[in-house]
PDB file of N, CA and C in Angstrom:
ATOM      1  N   MET A   1      94.074  95.401 137.515  1.00  0.00           N
ATOM      2  CA  MET A   1      93.191  96.575 136.439  1.00  0.00           C
ATOM      3  C   MET A   1      91.837  96.468 137.362  1.00  0.00           C
ATOM      4  N   ASP A   2      91.278  97.685 137.504  1.00  0.00           N
ATOM      5  CA  ASP A   2      90.133  97.775 138.129  1.00  0.00           C
ATOM      6  C   ASP A   2      88.368  97.413 137.533  1.00  0.00           C
ATOM      7  N   ASP A   3      87.973  96.692 137.964  1.00  0.00           N
ATOM      8  CA  ASP A   3      86.385  96.229 137.495  1.00  0.00           C
ATOM      9  C   ASP A   3      85.964  97.634 136.506  1.00  0.00           C
ATOM     10  N   LEU A   4      85.924  98.770 136.703  1.00  0.00           N
ATOM     11  CA  LEU A   4      85.650  99.543 135.586  1.00  0.00           C
ATOM     12  C   LEU A   4      86.511  99.476 134.228  1.00  0.00           C
ATOM     13  N   THR A   5      87.670  99.303 134.581  1.00  0.00           N
ATOM     14  CA  THR A   5      88.286  99.411 133.258  1.00  0.00           C
ATOM     15  C   THR A   5      88.288  97.885 132.447  1.00  0.00           C
ATOM     16  N   LYS A   6      88.248  96.715 133.259  1.00  0.00           N
ATOM     17  CA  LYS A   6      87.739  95.509 132.772  1.00  0.00           C
ATOM     18  C   LYS A   6      86.548  95.822 132.012  1.00  0.00           C
ATOM     19  N   GLU A   7      85.662  95.926 132.550  1.00  0.00           N
ATOM     20  CA  GLU A   7      83.986  96.378 131.849  1.00  0.00           C
ATOM     21  C   GLU A   7      84.385  97.479 130.534  1.00  0.00           C
ATOM     22  N   LEU A   8      85.534  98.518 130.770  1.00  0.00           N
ATOM     23  CA  LEU A   8      85.456  99.402 129.110  1.00  0.00           C
ATOM     24  C   LEU A   8      86.302  98.710 128.426  1.00  0.00           C
ATOM     25  N   VAL A   9      87.398  97.863 128.749  1.00  0.00           N
ATOM     26  CA  VAL A   9      87.742  96.645 127.507  1.00  0.00           C
ATOM     27  C   VAL A   9      86.875  95.641 126.802  1.00  0.00           C
ATOM     28  N   ALA A  10      86.121  95.304 127.861  1.00  0.00           N
ATOM     29  CA  ALA A  10      84.899  94.240 127.542  1.00  0.00           C
ATOM     30  C   ALA A  10      83.959  94.765 126.648  1.00  0.00           C
ATOM     31  N   ILE A  11      83.203  96.093 126.461  1.00  0.00           N
ATOM     32  CA  ILE A  11      82.832  97.028 125.478  1.00  0.00           C
ATOM     33  C   ILE A  11      83.437  96.782 124.173  1.00  0.00           C
ATOM     34  N   GLY A  12      84.356  97.112 124.096  1.00  0.00           N
ATOM     35  CA  GLY A  12      85.771  97.200 122.818  1.00  0.00           C
ATOM     36  C   GLY A  12      85.641  95.881 122.410  1.00  0.00           C
ATOM     37  N   ALA A  13      85.662  94.883 123.175  1.00  0.00           N
ATOM     38  CA  ALA A  13      85.972  93.330 122.386  1.00  0.00           C
ATOM     39  C   ALA A  13      84.512  92.982 121.990  1.00  0.00           C
ATOM     40  N   SER A  14      83.501  93.271 122.994  1.00  0.00           N
ATOM     41  CA  SER A  14      81.943  92.939 122.376  1.00  0.00           C
ATOM     42  C   SER A  14      81.922  93.768 121.193  1.00  0.00           C
ATOM     43  N   VAL A  15      82.075  94.893 120.681  1.00  0.00           N
ATOM     44  CA  VAL A  15      81.887  95.522 119.958  1.00  0.00           C
ATOM     45  C   VAL A  15      82.630  94.795 118.458  1.00  0.00           C
ATOM     46  N   THR A  16      84.000  94.641 118.751  1.00  0.00           N
ATOM     47  CA  THR A  16      84.663  94.087 117.726  1.00  0.00           C
ATOM     48  C   THR A  16      84.101  92.488 117.448  1.00  0.00           C
ATOM     49  N   ALA A  17      83.563  92.125 118.424  1.00  0.00           N
ATOM     50  CA  ALA A  17      82.766  90.411 118.315  1.00  0.00           C
ATOM     51  C   ALA A  17      81.581  90.193 117.751  1.00  0.00           C
ATOM     52  N   ASN A  18      81.196  91.343 117.616  1.00  0.00           N
ATOM     53  CA  ASN A  18      79.524  91.673 117.302  1.00  0.00           C
ATOM     54  C   ASN A  18      78.562  90.945 117.982  1.00  0.00           C
ATOM     55  N   CYS A  19      78.849  90.948 119.500  1.00  0.00           N
ATOM     56  CA  CYS A  19      78.368  90.247 120.471  1.00  0.00           C
ATOM     57  C   CYS A  19      77.555  91.000 121.278  1.00  0.00           C
ATOM     58  N   GLU A  20      75.811  90.738 120.794  1.00  0.00           N
ATOM     59  CA  GLU A  20      75.101  92.176 121.337  1.00  0.00           C
ATOM     60  C   GLU A  20      74.870  91.459 122.971  1.00  0.00           C
ATOM     61  N   PRO A  21      74.640  90.454 123.032  1.00  0.00           N
ATOM     62  CA  PRO A  21      74.244  90.114 124.562  1.00  0.00           C
ATOM     63  C   PRO A  21      75.554  90.521 125.551  1.00  0.00           C
ATOM     64  N   CYS A  22      76.545  90.744 124.923  1.00  0.00           N
ATOM     65  CA  CYS A  22      77.869  90.905 125.581  1.00  0.00           C
ATOM     66  C   CYS A  22      77.668  92.153 125.594  1.00  0.00           C
ATOM     67  N   LEU A  23      77.473  93.183 124.529  1.00  0.00           N
ATOM     68  CA  LEU A  23      77.985  94.297 124.646  1.00  0.00           C
ATOM     69  C   LEU A  23      76.455  94.672 125.395  1.00  0.00           C
ATOM     70  N   LYS A  24      75.611  94.477 125.855  1.00  0.00           N
ATOM     71  CA  LYS A  24      74.735  94.867 126.334  1.00  0.00           C
ATOM     72  C   LYS A  24      74.821  94.726 128.175  1.00  0.00           C
ATOM     73  N   TYR A  25      75.632  93.330 128.369  1.00  0.00           N
ATOM     74  CA  TYR A  25      76.102  93.309 129.670  1.00  0.00           C
ATOM     75  C   TYR A  25      76.956  93.966 130.201  1.00  0.00           C
ATOM     76  N   HIS A  26      77.942  94.118 129.192  1.00  0.00           N
ATOM     77  CA  HIS A  26      79.130  95.056 129.685  1.00  0.00           C
ATOM     78  C   HIS A  26      78.937  96.385 129.859  1.00  0.00           C
ATOM     79  N   VAL A  27      77.755  97.234 128.801  1.00  0.00           N
ATOM     80  CA  VAL A  27      77.345  98.875 128.990  1.00  0.00           C
ATOM     81  C   VAL A  27      76.979  98.691 130.880  1.00  0.00           C
ATOM     82  N   LYS A  28      75.978  97.896 130.719  1.00  0.00           N
ATOM     83  CA  LYS A  28      75.435  97.611 132.094  1.00  0.00           C
ATOM     84  C   LYS A  28      76.301  97.645 132.960  1.00  0.00           C
ATOM     85  N   MET A  29      77.166  96.635 133.147  1.00  0.00           N
ATOM     86  CA  MET A  29      78.170  96.829 134.343  1.00  0.00           C
ATOM     87  C   MET A  29      78.811  97.852 134.437  1.00  0.00           C
ATOM     88  N   ALA A  30      79.568  98.292 133.325  1.00  0.00           N
ATOM     89  CA  ALA A  30      80.246  99.379 133.218  1.00  0.00           C
ATOM     90  C   ALA A  30      79.717 100.910 133.802  1.00  0.00           C
ATOM     91  N   ARG A  31      78.261 101.164 133.709  1.00  0.00           N
ATOM     92  CA  ARG A  31      77.611 101.918 134.240  1.00  0.00           C
ATOM     93  C   ARG A  31      77.250 101.564 135.685  1.00  0.00           C
ATOM     94  N   GLU A  32      77.682 100.557 136.436  1.00  0.00           N
ATOM     95  CA  GLU A  32      77.212 100.201 137.753  1.00  0.00           C
ATOM     96  C   GLU A  32      78.716 100.278 138.493  1.00  0.00           C
ATOM     97  N   TYR A  33      79.397 100.464 137.718  1.00  0.00           N
ATOM     98  CA  TYR A  33      80.695 100.643 138.009  1.00  0.00           C
ATOM     99  C   TYR A  33      81.209 101.901 138.042  1.00  0.00           C
ATOM    100  N   GLY A  34      80.047 102.759 137.470  1.00  0.00           N
ATOM    101  CA  GLY A  34      80.595 104.665 137.420  1.00  0.00           C
ATOM    102  C   GLY A  34      80.599 104.920 136.134  1.00  0.00           C
ATOM    103  N   ALA A  35      80.816 104.183 134.897  1.00  0.00           N
ATOM    104  CA  ALA A  35      81.554 104.872 133.814  1.00  0.00           C
ATOM    105  C   ALA A  35      80.582 105.828 133.102  1.00  0.00           C
ATOM    106  N   GLY A  36      81.124 106.830 132.548  1.00  0.00           N
ATOM    107  CA  GLY A  36      80.190 107.950 131.847  1.00  0.00           C
ATOM    108  C   GLY A  36      80.091 107.713 130.741  1.00  0.00           C
ATOM    109  N   GLU A  37      79.226 107.972 129.816  1.00  0.00           N
ATOM    110  CA  GLU A  37      78.497 107.785 128.753  1.00  0.00           C
ATOM    111  C   GLU A  37      79.932 108.167 127.976  1.00  0.00           C
ATOM    112  N   GLU A  38      80.733 109.031 127.952  1.00  0.00           N
ATOM    113  CA  GLU A  38      81.683 109.551 126.906  1.00  0.00           C
ATOM    114  C   GLU A  38      82.887 108.344 127.306  1.00  0.00           C
ATOM    115  N   SER A  39      83.072 107.636 127.911  1.00  0.00           N
ATOM    116  CA  SER A  39      83.970 106.577 128.525  1.00  0.00           C
ATOM    117  C   SER A  39      83.607 105.607 127.837  1.00  0.00           C
ATOM    118  N   ILE A  40      82.315 104.944 127.916  1.00  0.00           N
ATOM    119  CA  ILE A  40      81.630 104.122 127.256  1.00  0.00           C
ATOM    120  C   ILE A  40      81.380 104.149 125.747  1.00  0.00           C
ATOM    121  N   LEU A  41      81.103 105.237 125.031  1.00  0.00           N
ATOM    122  CA  LEU A  41      81.355 105.555 123.814  1.00  0.00           C
ATOM    123  C   LEU A  41      82.711 105.301 123.294  1.00  0.00           C
ATOM    124  N   ALA A  42      83.674 105.931 123.840  1.00  0.00           N
ATOM    125  CA  ALA A  42      84.917 105.874 123.431  1.00  0.00           C
ATOM    126  C   ALA A  42      85.120 104.533 123.225  1.00  0.00           C
ATOM    127  N   SER A  43      84.898 103.747 124.194  1.00  0.00           N
ATOM    128  CA  SER A  43      85.629 102.293 124.204  1.00  0.00           C
ATOM    129  C   SER A  43      84.569 101.309 122.927  1.00  0.00           C
ATOM    130  N   VAL A  44      83.312 102.105 122.620  1.00  0.00           N
ATOM    131  CA  VAL A  44      82.537 101.338 121.291  1.00  0.00           C
ATOM    132  C   VAL A  44      83.489 101.897 119.824  1.00  0.00           C
ATOM    133  N   GLU A  45      84.459 103.401 120.285  1.00  0.00           N
ATOM    134  CA  GLU A  45      84.891 103.650 119.206  1.00  0.00           C
ATOM    135  C   GLU A  45      86.220 102.513 118.968  1.00  0.00           C
ATOM    136  N   VAL A  46      86.720 102.680 120.156  1.00  0.00           N
ATOM    137  CA  VAL A  46      87.668 101.659 120.106  1.00  0.00           C
ATOM    138  C   VAL A  46      87.657 100.564 119.030  1.00  0.00           C
ATOM    139  N   GLY A  47      86.426  99.733 119.528  1.00  0.00           N
ATOM    140  CA  GLY A  47      86.023  98.391 119.266  1.00  0.00           C
ATOM    141  C   GLY A  47      85.766  98.145 118.007  1.00  0.00           C
ATOM    142  N   LYS A  48      84.899  99.822 117.302  1.00  0.00           N
ATOM    143  CA  LYS A  48      84.956  99.307 115.805  1.00  0.00           C
ATOM    144  C   LYS A  48      86.158  99.698 115.096  1.00  0.00           C
ATOM    145  N   MET A  49      87.121 100.339 115.465  1.00  0.00           N
ATOM    146  CA  MET A  49      88.481 100.570 114.844  1.00  0.00           C
ATOM    147  C   MET A  49      89.425  99.203 114.780  1.00  0.00           C
ATOM    148  N   VAL A  50      89.222  98.415 115.685  1.00  0.00           N
ATOM    149  CA  VAL A  50      89.731  97.064 115.731  1.00  0.00           C
ATOM    150  C   VAL A  50      89.278  95.982 114.651  1.00  0.00           C
ATOM    151  N   LYS A  51      87.778  96.368 114.808  1.00  0.00           N
ATOM    152  CA  LYS A  51      87.271  95.735 113.962  1.00  0.00           C
ATOM    153  C   LYS A  51      87.140  96.065 112.571  1.00  0.00           C
ATOM    154  N   LYS A  52      87.323  97.250 112.084  1.00  0.00           N
ATOM    155  CA  LYS A  52      87.870  97.759 110.991  1.00  0.00           C
ATOM    156  C   LYS A  52      88.622  97.272 110.271  1.00  0.00           C
ATOM    157  N   GLY A  53      89.756  97.140 111.361  1.00  0.00           N
ATOM    158  CA  GLY A  53      91.395  97.115 110.893  1.00  0.00           C
ATOM    159  C   GLY A  53      91.582  95.724 110.602  1.00  0.00           C
ATOM    160  N   ALA A  54      90.754  94.719 111.085  1.00  0.00           N
ATOM    161  CA  ALA A  54      90.925  93.440 111.263  1.00  0.00           C
ATOM    162  C   ALA A  54      90.560  92.986 109.972  1.00  0.00           C
ATOM    163  N   MET A  55      88.835  93.607 109.487  1.00  0.00           N
ATOM    164  CA  MET A  55      88.502  93.629 108.119  1.00  0.00           C
ATOM    165  C   MET A  55      89.215  93.944 107.242  1.00  0.00           C
ATOM    166  N   THR A  56      90.135  95.102 107.195  1.00  0.00           N
ATOM    167  CA  THR A  56      90.515  95.362 106.170  1.00  0.00           C
ATOM    168  C   THR A  56      92.016  94.285 105.701  1.00  0.00           C
ATOM    169  N   LYS A  57      92.646  93.976 106.891  1.00  0.00           N
ATOM    170  CA  LYS A  57      93.319  92.788 106.839  1.00  0.00           C
ATOM    171  C   LYS A  57      93.000  91.725 106.118  1.00  0.00           C
ATOM    172  N   TYR A  58      91.618  91.033 106.890  1.00  0.00           N
ATOM    173  CA  TYR A  58      91.090  90.060 106.268  1.00  0.00           C
ATOM    174  C   TYR A  58      90.487  90.240 104.824  1.00  0.00           C
ATOM    175  N   ASN A  59      90.182  91.167 104.395  1.00  0.00           N
ATOM    176  CA  ASN A  59      89.908  91.547 102.887  1.00  0.00           C
ATOM    177  C   ASN A  59      91.120  91.357 102.163  1.00  0.00           C
ATOM    178  N   GLU A  60      92.397  92.092 102.356  1.00  0.00           N
ATOM    179  CA  GLU A  60      93.305  92.054 101.793  1.00  0.00           C
ATOM    180  C   GLU A  60      93.978  89.899 101.550  1.00  0.00           C
ATOM    181  N   PHE A  61      93.787  89.310 102.687  1.00  0.00           N
ATOM    182  CA  PHE A  61      93.938  87.930 102.563  1.00  0.00           C
ATOM    183  C   PHE A  61      93.023  87.488 101.617  1.00  0.00           C
ATOM    184  N   ILE A  62      92.017  87.732 101.523  1.00  0.00           N
ATOM    185  CA  ILE A  62      90.786  87.373 100.771  1.00  0.00           C
ATOM    186  C   ILE A  62      91.259  87.832  99.000  1.00  0.00           C
ATOM    187  N   SER A  63      91.600  88.698  99.009  1.00  0.00           N
ATOM    188  CA  SER A  63      92.074  89.170  97.989  1.00  0.00           C
ATOM    189  C   SER A  63      93.190  88.066  97.556  1.00  0.00           C
ATOM    190  N   SER A  64      94.480  88.237  98.175  1.00  0.00           N
ATOM    191  CA  SER A  64      95.303  87.533  97.781  1.00  0.00           C
ATOM    192  C   SER A  64      95.341  86.336  97.355  1.00  0.00           C
ATOM    193  N   ILE A  65      94.159  85.406  97.864  1.00  0.00           N
ATOM    194  CA  ILE A  65      93.962  83.804  97.925  1.00  0.00           C
ATOM    195  C   ILE A  65      92.994  83.895  96.495  1.00  0.00           C
ATOM    196  N   LEU A  66      92.573  84.878  96.084  1.00  0.00           N
ATOM    197  CA  LEU A  66      91.567  85.479  94.944  1.00  0.00           C
ATOM    198  C   LEU A  66      92.073  85.800  93.593  1.00  0.00           C
ATOM    199  N   GLY A  67      93.465  86.043  93.645  1.00  0.00           N
ATOM    200  CA  GLY A  67      94.145  86.296  93.033  1.00  0.00           C
ATOM    201  C   GLY A  67      94.113  88.210  92.625  1.00  0.00           C
ATOM    202  N   GLY A  68      93.700  88.676  93.770  1.00  0.00           N
ATOM    203  CA  GLY A  68      93.438  90.082  93.953  1.00  0.00           C
ATOM    204  C   GLY A  68      92.682  90.507  92.550  1.00  0.00           C
ATOM    205  N   THR A  69      91.338  89.492  92.386  1.00  0.00           N
ATOM    206  CA  THR A  69      90.496  90.033  91.459  1.00  0.00           C
ATOM    207  C   THR A  69      89.371  90.566  92.510  1.00  0.00           C
ATOM    208  N   THR A  70      89.443  90.761  93.954  1.00  0.00           N
ATOM    209  CA  THR A  70      88.058  91.303  94.120  1.00  0.00           C
ATOM    210  C   THR A  70      88.524  92.490  94.896  1.00  0.00           C
ATOM    211  N   THR A  71      87.749  93.626  95.010  1.00  0.00           N
ATOM    212  CA  THR A  71      87.869  94.589  95.479  1.00  0.00           C
ATOM    213  C   THR A  71      86.720  95.002  96.626  1.00  0.00           C
ATOM    214  N   PHE A  72      87.425  95.987  97.704  1.00  0.00           N
ATOM    215  CA  PHE A  72      86.483  96.306  98.997  1.00  0.00           C
ATOM    216  C   PHE A  72      86.191  97.501  98.867  1.00  0.00           C
ATOM    217  N   ALA A  73      85.340  97.817  99.935  1.00  0.00           N
ATOM    218  CA  ALA A  73      84.717  99.246 100.248  1.00  0.00           C
ATOM    219  C   ALA A  73      86.053  99.868 100.762  1.00  0.00           C
ATOM    220  N   ASP A  74      86.338 101.328 100.766  1.00  0.00           N
ATOM    221  CA  ASP A  74      87.266 102.096 101.212  1.00  0.00           C
ATOM    222  C   ASP A  74      87.566 102.076 102.730  1.00  0.00           C
ATOM    223  N   ASP A  75      88.623 101.357 102.763  1.00  0.00           N
ATOM    224  CA  ASP A  75      89.090 101.170 104.184  1.00  0.00           C
ATOM    225  C   ASP A  75      90.322 101.456 104.720  1.00  0.00           C
ATOM    226  N   SER A  76      90.428 102.375 104.279  1.00  0.00           N
ATOM    227  CA  SER A  76      91.994 103.379 104.133  1.00  0.00           C
ATOM    228  C   SER A  76      92.402 103.890 105.502  1.00  0.00           C
ATOM    229  N   LYS A  77      91.262 104.187 106.195  1.00  0.00           N
ATOM    230  CA  LYS A  77      91.524 104.882 107.587  1.00  0.00           C
ATOM    231  C   LYS A  77      91.650 103.345 108.875  1.00  0.00           C
ATOM    232  N   ALA A  78      91.965 102.346 108.305  1.00  0.00           N
ATOM    233  CA  ALA A  78      91.383 101.543 109.876  1.00  0.00           C
ATOM    234  C   ALA A  78      92.714 101.429 110.506  1.00  0.00           C
ATOM    235  N   GLY A  79      92.193 100.295 111.675  1.00  0.00           N
ATOM    236  CA  GLY A  79      93.207 100.634 112.695  1.00  0.00           C
ATOM    237  C   GLY A  79      94.104  98.868 112.246  1.00  0.00           C
ATOM    238  N   CYS A  80      94.819  98.660 113.320  1.00  0.00           N
ATOM    239  CA  CYS A  80      95.321  96.882 113.203  1.00  0.00           C
ATOM    240  C   CYS A  80      96.447  97.063 111.874  1.00  0.00           C
ATOM    241  N   GLY A  81      97.136  98.243 111.449  1.00  0.00           N
ATOM    242  CA  GLY A  81      97.803  98.205 110.731  1.00  0.00           C
ATOM    243  C   GLY A  81      97.124  98.580 109.344  1.00  0.00           C
ATOM    244  N   GLY A  82      96.075  99.032 109.013  1.00  0.00           N
ATOM    245  CA  GLY A  82      95.252  99.271 107.792  1.00  0.00           C
ATOM    246  C   GLY A  82      96.046 100.850 107.274  1.00  0.00           C
ATOM    247  N   SER A  83      96.548 100.789 106.457  1.00  0.00           N
ATOM    248  CA  SER A  83      96.770 102.441 106.021  1.00  0.00           C
ATOM    249  C   SER A  83      96.275 102.926 104.844  1.00  0.00           C
TER     250      SER A  83
END
């Protein structure tokens, strides 16, 4: 995998992890390797989608251990198996 691709993946991972210093660093590095803003924004969107999907599944888990008494905001269009 080339360095630019690694940085674009790292951008998505940084968004998913809510790591501001990581995101700043990896955006800077992606730009240094020649990434355009469209590619950077696409990586951010993938990270947001993964994070939303993970939160959907976690909310389902929370609800299951609380006997289904908890409701959450609509997350019906999430990734990671959200439906």
